[in-house]
């Protein structure tokens, strides 16, 4: 069974179906990614609670999960970036060009810039 795509015989209904399925798949994947990113902290907290329980440490069940606001995360990230950028050496930004004793180079030769058309 061979599948040949005959573009000339497509009607608008086929095009709308393909476009609708494409958009639906993209939005479905985006929704699934949002759900996964929302569930990751909860899954990690469950694993931490299990590990603490196995080690015999107390787990405070009345304490709610603490989330840090976005502004606080941005301030921490900015402070870390500024701190780590100060650790680099300051450069003079001076470019020096040294002269070479032998100035001839095939790259600077004018004879290679002329178009030599070979006659046959």
N, C-alpha and C. Protein backbone atom coordinates (compact mmCIF):
# COMPACT_ATOMS: atom_id res chain seq x y z
N UNK A 1 0.84 -1.17 0.00
CA UNK A 1 0.00 0.00 0.00
C UNK A 1 0.89 1.23 0.00
N UNK A 2 0.76 2.04 -0.98
CA UNK A 2 1.58 3.24 -1.08
C UNK A 2 0.74 4.47 -0.78
N UNK A 3 1.36 5.39 -0.11
CA UNK A 3 0.69 6.64 0.22
C UNK A 3 1.31 7.75 -0.61
N UNK A 4 0.56 8.30 -1.49
CA UNK A 4 1.02 9.41 -2.31
C UNK A 4 0.25 10.66 -1.89
N UNK A 5 0.98 11.73 -1.69
CA UNK A 5 0.35 12.98 -1.30
C UNK A 5 0.11 13.79 -2.56
N UNK A 6 -1.14 13.97 -2.86
CA UNK A 6 -1.52 14.75 -4.04
C UNK A 6 -2.00 16.11 -3.56
N UNK A 7 -1.10 17.07 -3.59
CA UNK A 7 -1.39 18.40 -3.05
C UNK A 7 -2.45 19.12 -3.88
N UNK A 8 -2.54 18.82 -5.13
CA UNK A 8 -3.48 19.54 -5.99
C UNK A 8 -4.93 19.22 -5.64
N UNK A 9 -5.19 18.05 -5.04
CA UNK A 9 -6.57 17.66 -4.75
C UNK A 9 -6.97 17.92 -3.30
N UNK A 10 -6.20 18.67 -2.57
CA UNK A 10 -6.57 18.96 -1.18
C UNK A 10 -7.65 20.03 -1.17
N UNK A 11 -8.56 19.89 -0.22
CA UNK A 11 -9.55 20.94 -0.04
C UNK A 11 -9.30 21.61 1.29
N UNK A 12 -10.03 22.66 1.56
CA UNK A 12 -9.79 23.44 2.77
C UNK A 12 -10.10 22.66 4.04
N UNK A 13 -10.99 21.71 3.99
CA UNK A 13 -11.32 20.92 5.17
C UNK A 13 -10.11 20.12 5.63
N UNK A 14 -9.36 19.55 4.69
CA UNK A 14 -8.16 18.80 5.05
C UNK A 14 -7.11 19.72 5.69
N UNK A 15 -6.98 20.90 5.16
CA UNK A 15 -6.00 21.84 5.69
C UNK A 15 -6.39 22.27 7.10
N UNK A 16 -7.67 22.52 7.33
CA UNK A 16 -8.13 22.89 8.68
C UNK A 16 -7.93 21.76 9.68
N UNK A 17 -8.14 20.53 9.25
CA UNK A 17 -7.95 19.39 10.15
C UNK A 17 -6.48 19.27 10.54
N UNK A 18 -5.59 19.38 9.58
CA UNK A 18 -4.16 19.27 9.86
C UNK A 18 -3.71 20.41 10.78
N UNK A 19 -4.17 21.63 10.51
CA UNK A 19 -3.79 22.77 11.34
C UNK A 19 -4.37 22.60 12.75
N UNK A 20 -5.60 22.15 12.86
CA UNK A 20 -6.22 21.96 14.17
C UNK A 20 -5.51 20.90 15.00
N UNK A 21 -5.16 19.79 14.35
CA UNK A 21 -4.43 18.74 15.06
C UNK A 21 -3.06 19.24 15.50
N UNK A 22 -2.40 19.98 14.66
CA UNK A 22 -1.08 20.52 15.00
C UNK A 22 -1.14 21.47 16.19
N UNK A 23 -2.08 22.42 16.16
CA UNK A 23 -2.22 23.34 17.29
C UNK A 23 -2.62 22.60 18.56
N UNK A 24 -3.50 21.62 18.44
CA UNK A 24 -3.94 20.86 19.61
C UNK A 24 -2.77 20.12 20.25
N UNK A 25 -1.92 19.52 19.44
CA UNK A 25 -0.77 18.79 19.98
C UNK A 25 0.17 19.75 20.70
N UNK A 26 0.41 20.91 20.13
CA UNK A 26 1.32 21.88 20.75
C UNK A 26 0.77 22.34 22.09
N UNK A 27 -0.51 22.71 22.15
CA UNK A 27 -1.09 23.19 23.41
C UNK A 27 -1.19 22.07 24.44
N UNK A 28 -1.45 20.85 24.00
CA UNK A 28 -1.50 19.73 24.93
C UNK A 28 -0.13 19.48 25.55
N UNK A 29 0.91 19.56 24.75
CA UNK A 29 2.26 19.37 25.28
C UNK A 29 2.62 20.50 26.25
N UNK A 30 2.23 21.73 25.93
CA UNK A 30 2.49 22.85 26.84
C UNK A 30 1.77 22.67 28.18
N UNK A 31 0.54 22.21 28.15
CA UNK A 31 -0.20 21.96 29.39
C UNK A 31 0.46 20.84 30.19
N UNK A 32 0.91 19.79 29.52
CA UNK A 32 1.60 18.71 30.21
C UNK A 32 2.90 19.18 30.83
N UNK A 33 3.63 20.05 30.15
CA UNK A 33 4.87 20.60 30.72
C UNK A 33 4.59 21.44 31.96
N UNK A 34 3.51 22.22 31.92
CA UNK A 34 3.15 23.02 33.09
C UNK A 34 2.85 22.10 34.27
N UNK A 35 2.10 21.04 34.02
CA UNK A 35 1.78 20.10 35.10
C UNK A 35 3.02 19.43 35.65
N UNK A 36 3.93 19.05 34.78
CA UNK A 36 5.16 18.40 35.23
C UNK A 36 5.98 19.36 36.10
N UNK A 37 6.10 20.61 35.66
CA UNK A 37 6.88 21.57 36.43
C UNK A 37 6.21 21.91 37.76
N UNK A 38 4.90 21.86 37.81
CA UNK A 38 4.21 22.10 39.07
C UNK A 38 4.36 20.93 40.03
N UNK A 39 4.47 19.70 39.50
CA UNK A 39 4.54 18.51 40.34
C UNK A 39 5.96 18.19 40.82
N UNK A 40 6.98 18.70 40.18
CA UNK A 40 8.35 18.37 40.56
C UNK A 40 8.66 18.72 42.02
N UNK A 41 8.32 19.92 42.53
CA UNK A 41 8.61 20.20 43.95
C UNK A 41 7.88 19.25 44.90
N UNK A 42 6.66 18.88 44.58
CA UNK A 42 5.91 17.97 45.44
C UNK A 42 6.56 16.59 45.47
N UNK A 43 7.00 16.13 44.31
CA UNK A 43 7.65 14.82 44.25
C UNK A 43 8.97 14.84 45.03
N UNK A 44 9.72 15.92 44.88
CA UNK A 44 10.98 16.04 45.61
C UNK A 44 10.74 16.10 47.12
N UNK A 45 9.70 16.81 47.55
CA UNK A 45 9.39 16.88 48.98
C UNK A 45 9.00 15.51 49.52
N UNK A 46 8.28 14.72 48.74
CA UNK A 46 7.92 13.36 49.18
C UNK A 46 9.18 12.53 49.36
N UNK A 47 10.11 12.63 48.43
CA UNK A 47 11.36 11.86 48.54
C UNK A 47 12.17 12.30 49.76
N UNK A 48 12.21 13.62 50.02
CA UNK A 48 12.95 14.12 51.18
C UNK A 48 12.30 13.64 52.47
N UNK A 49 10.97 13.67 52.52
CA UNK A 49 10.26 13.21 53.72
C UNK A 49 10.51 11.73 53.96
N UNK A 50 10.53 10.93 52.89
CA UNK A 50 10.81 9.50 53.04
C UNK A 50 12.22 9.27 53.56
N UNK A 51 13.18 10.03 53.04
CA UNK A 51 14.56 9.88 53.48
C UNK A 51 14.73 10.29 54.94
N UNK A 52 14.09 11.38 55.33
CA UNK A 52 14.16 11.82 56.72
C UNK A 52 13.49 10.82 57.65
N UNK A 53 12.39 10.24 57.20
CA UNK A 53 11.70 9.25 58.01
C UNK A 53 12.56 8.01 58.18
N UNK A 54 13.26 7.62 57.11
CA UNK A 54 14.13 6.44 57.17
C UNK A 54 15.31 6.69 58.11
N UNK A 55 15.83 7.92 58.14
CA UNK A 55 16.94 8.27 59.02
C UNK A 55 16.48 8.45 60.46
N UNK A 56 15.19 8.51 60.70
CA UNK A 56 14.66 8.64 62.05
C UNK A 56 14.52 10.06 62.53
N UNK A 57 14.63 11.02 61.65
CA UNK A 57 14.48 12.42 62.04
C UNK A 57 13.01 12.80 62.05
N UNK A 58 12.69 13.82 62.85
CA UNK A 58 11.30 14.25 62.97
C UNK A 58 10.87 15.01 61.72
N UNK A 59 9.63 14.76 61.33
CA UNK A 59 9.05 15.45 60.20
C UNK A 59 7.90 16.29 60.73
N UNK A 60 7.97 17.59 60.53
CA UNK A 60 6.93 18.49 61.01
C UNK A 60 5.79 18.48 59.99
N UNK A 61 4.70 17.78 60.32
CA UNK A 61 3.60 17.65 59.37
C UNK A 61 2.74 18.90 59.33
N UNK A 62 2.82 19.75 60.36
CA UNK A 62 2.01 20.97 60.36
C UNK A 62 2.64 22.08 59.54
N UNK A 63 3.92 21.98 59.29
CA UNK A 63 4.61 23.03 58.52
C UNK A 63 4.23 22.89 57.05
N UNK A 64 3.82 23.98 56.48
CA UNK A 64 3.47 23.95 55.07
C UNK A 64 4.73 24.14 54.23
N UNK A 65 4.62 23.80 52.99
CA UNK A 65 5.76 23.97 52.09
C UNK A 65 5.99 25.46 51.89
N UNK A 66 7.24 25.86 51.96
CA UNK A 66 7.55 27.27 51.82
C UNK A 66 8.03 27.54 50.40
N UNK A 67 7.41 28.50 49.79
CA UNK A 67 7.79 28.90 48.44
C UNK A 67 8.40 30.29 48.50
N UNK A 68 9.39 30.51 47.70
CA UNK A 68 10.06 31.80 47.65
C UNK A 68 9.45 32.58 46.49
N UNK A 69 9.16 33.84 46.73
CA UNK A 69 8.55 34.67 45.70
C UNK A 69 9.52 34.90 44.54
N UNK A 70 8.98 35.22 43.39
CA UNK A 70 9.80 35.43 42.21
C UNK A 70 10.74 36.61 42.35
N UNK A 71 10.31 37.67 43.06
CA UNK A 71 11.17 38.83 43.24
C UNK A 71 12.39 38.47 44.08
N UNK A 72 12.20 37.62 45.07
CA UNK A 72 13.31 37.19 45.91
C UNK A 72 14.30 36.36 45.09
N UNK A 73 13.78 35.46 44.26
CA UNK A 73 14.65 34.67 43.39
C UNK A 73 15.44 35.57 42.45
N UNK A 74 14.79 36.58 41.89
CA UNK A 74 15.48 37.50 40.98
C UNK A 74 16.57 38.28 41.71
N UNK A 75 16.30 38.71 42.95
CA UNK A 75 17.30 39.45 43.72
C UNK A 75 18.50 38.57 44.05
N UNK A 76 18.24 37.31 44.41
CA UNK A 76 19.34 36.39 44.72
C UNK A 76 20.18 36.12 43.48
N UNK A 77 19.52 35.90 42.34
CA UNK A 77 20.24 35.64 41.10
C UNK A 77 21.08 36.84 40.69
N UNK A 78 20.54 38.05 40.85
CA UNK A 78 21.29 39.25 40.50
C UNK A 78 22.51 39.42 41.40
N UNK A 79 22.32 39.17 42.70
CA UNK A 79 23.45 39.30 43.63
C UNK A 79 24.54 38.29 43.31
N UNK A 80 24.17 37.06 42.99
CA UNK A 80 25.17 36.04 42.64
C UNK A 80 25.90 36.41 41.35
N UNK A 81 25.17 36.92 40.36
CA UNK A 81 25.80 37.30 39.10
C UNK A 81 26.80 38.43 39.32
N UNK A 82 26.41 39.44 40.11
CA UNK A 82 27.33 40.55 40.38
C UNK A 82 28.55 40.09 41.15
N UNK A 83 28.35 39.17 42.09
CA UNK A 83 29.47 38.66 42.89
C UNK A 83 30.45 37.89 42.02
N UNK A 84 29.95 37.00 41.17
CA UNK A 84 30.84 36.18 40.35
C UNK A 84 31.50 36.98 39.23
N UNK A 85 30.87 38.04 38.75
CA UNK A 85 31.48 38.88 37.72
C UNK A 85 32.62 39.72 38.28
N UNK A 86 32.61 40.03 39.57
CA UNK A 86 33.69 40.80 40.18
C UNK A 86 34.96 39.97 40.35
N UNK A 87 34.86 38.66 40.28
CA UNK A 87 36.02 37.81 40.50
C UNK A 87 36.91 37.71 39.27
N UNK A 88 36.45 38.17 38.13
CA UNK A 88 37.26 38.11 36.92
C UNK A 88 38.27 39.24 36.91
N UNK A 89 39.39 39.01 36.24
CA UNK A 89 40.42 40.03 36.12
C UNK A 89 39.95 41.12 35.17
N UNK A 90 40.35 42.33 35.49
CA UNK A 90 40.06 43.45 34.59
C UNK A 90 41.13 43.48 33.51
N UNK A 91 40.70 43.58 32.27
CA UNK A 91 41.65 43.62 31.17
C UNK A 91 41.81 45.05 30.69
N UNK A 92 42.96 45.33 30.07
CA UNK A 92 43.25 46.69 29.65
C UNK A 92 42.50 47.09 28.38
N UNK A 93 42.02 46.14 27.60
CA UNK A 93 41.31 46.39 26.35
C UNK A 93 42.16 47.15 25.34
N UNK A 94 43.48 46.98 25.39
CA UNK A 94 44.38 47.59 24.43
C UNK A 94 44.86 46.51 23.47
N UNK A 95 44.65 46.76 22.20
CA UNK A 95 45.06 45.80 21.18
C UNK A 95 46.37 46.30 20.57
N UNK A 96 47.37 45.43 20.55
CA UNK A 96 48.66 45.80 19.96
C UNK A 96 48.88 44.98 18.71
N UNK A 97 49.44 45.63 17.70
CA UNK A 97 49.75 44.96 16.44
C UNK A 97 51.26 45.03 16.26
N UNK A 98 51.88 43.88 16.15
CA UNK A 98 53.33 43.83 15.99
C UNK A 98 53.68 43.67 14.52
N UNK A 99 54.68 44.40 14.08
CA UNK A 99 55.14 44.29 12.69
C UNK A 99 55.97 43.03 12.52
N UNK A 100 55.81 42.41 11.37
CA UNK A 100 56.57 41.21 11.06
C UNK A 100 57.67 41.60 10.09
N UNK A 101 58.84 41.02 10.25
CA UNK A 101 59.98 41.37 9.39
C UNK A 101 59.70 40.99 7.94
N UNK A 102 59.09 39.87 7.70
CA UNK A 102 58.80 39.43 6.34
C UNK A 102 57.38 39.87 5.99
N UNK A 103 57.23 40.89 5.16
CA UNK A 103 55.92 41.44 4.86
C UNK A 103 55.24 40.75 3.69
N UNK A 104 55.99 39.95 2.89
CA UNK A 104 55.37 39.31 1.74
C UNK A 104 54.55 38.12 2.20
N UNK A 105 53.37 38.02 1.66
CA UNK A 105 52.51 36.89 1.92
C UNK A 105 51.66 36.67 0.67
N UNK A 106 51.37 35.44 0.33
CA UNK A 106 50.50 35.23 -0.83
C UNK A 106 49.13 35.87 -0.64
N UNK A 107 48.75 36.09 0.58
CA UNK A 107 47.44 36.70 0.83
C UNK A 107 47.45 38.17 0.44
N UNK A 108 48.60 38.82 0.52
CA UNK A 108 48.64 40.24 0.19
C UNK A 108 49.20 40.50 -1.20
N UNK A 109 49.50 39.46 -1.95
CA UNK A 109 50.07 39.63 -3.28
C UNK A 109 48.98 40.06 -4.26
N UNK A 110 49.26 41.10 -5.03
CA UNK A 110 48.28 41.63 -5.97
C UNK A 110 48.14 40.78 -7.22
N UNK A 111 49.14 39.97 -7.50
CA UNK A 111 49.07 39.16 -8.71
C UNK A 111 47.96 38.11 -8.62
N UNK A 112 47.66 37.68 -7.39
CA UNK A 112 46.59 36.70 -7.25
C UNK A 112 45.21 37.34 -7.29
N UNK A 113 45.15 38.67 -7.16
CA UNK A 113 43.87 39.36 -7.22
C UNK A 113 43.39 39.61 -8.64
N UNK A 114 44.29 39.49 -9.61
CA UNK A 114 43.92 39.73 -11.01
C UNK A 114 43.33 38.44 -11.57
N UNK A 115 42.24 38.58 -12.27
CA UNK A 115 41.61 37.39 -12.84
C UNK A 115 42.35 36.98 -14.10
N UNK A 116 42.99 35.86 -14.04
CA UNK A 116 43.69 35.33 -15.20
C UNK A 116 42.79 34.33 -15.88
N UNK A 117 42.28 34.70 -17.03
CA UNK A 117 41.41 33.79 -17.77
C UNK A 117 42.29 32.98 -18.70
N UNK A 118 42.19 31.69 -18.56
CA UNK A 118 42.98 30.81 -19.42
C UNK A 118 42.31 30.67 -20.77
N UNK A 119 43.07 30.85 -21.81
CA UNK A 119 42.51 30.67 -23.15
C UNK A 119 42.89 29.27 -23.65
N UNK A 120 41.97 28.63 -24.25
CA UNK A 120 42.21 27.28 -24.76
C UNK A 120 42.26 27.24 -26.23
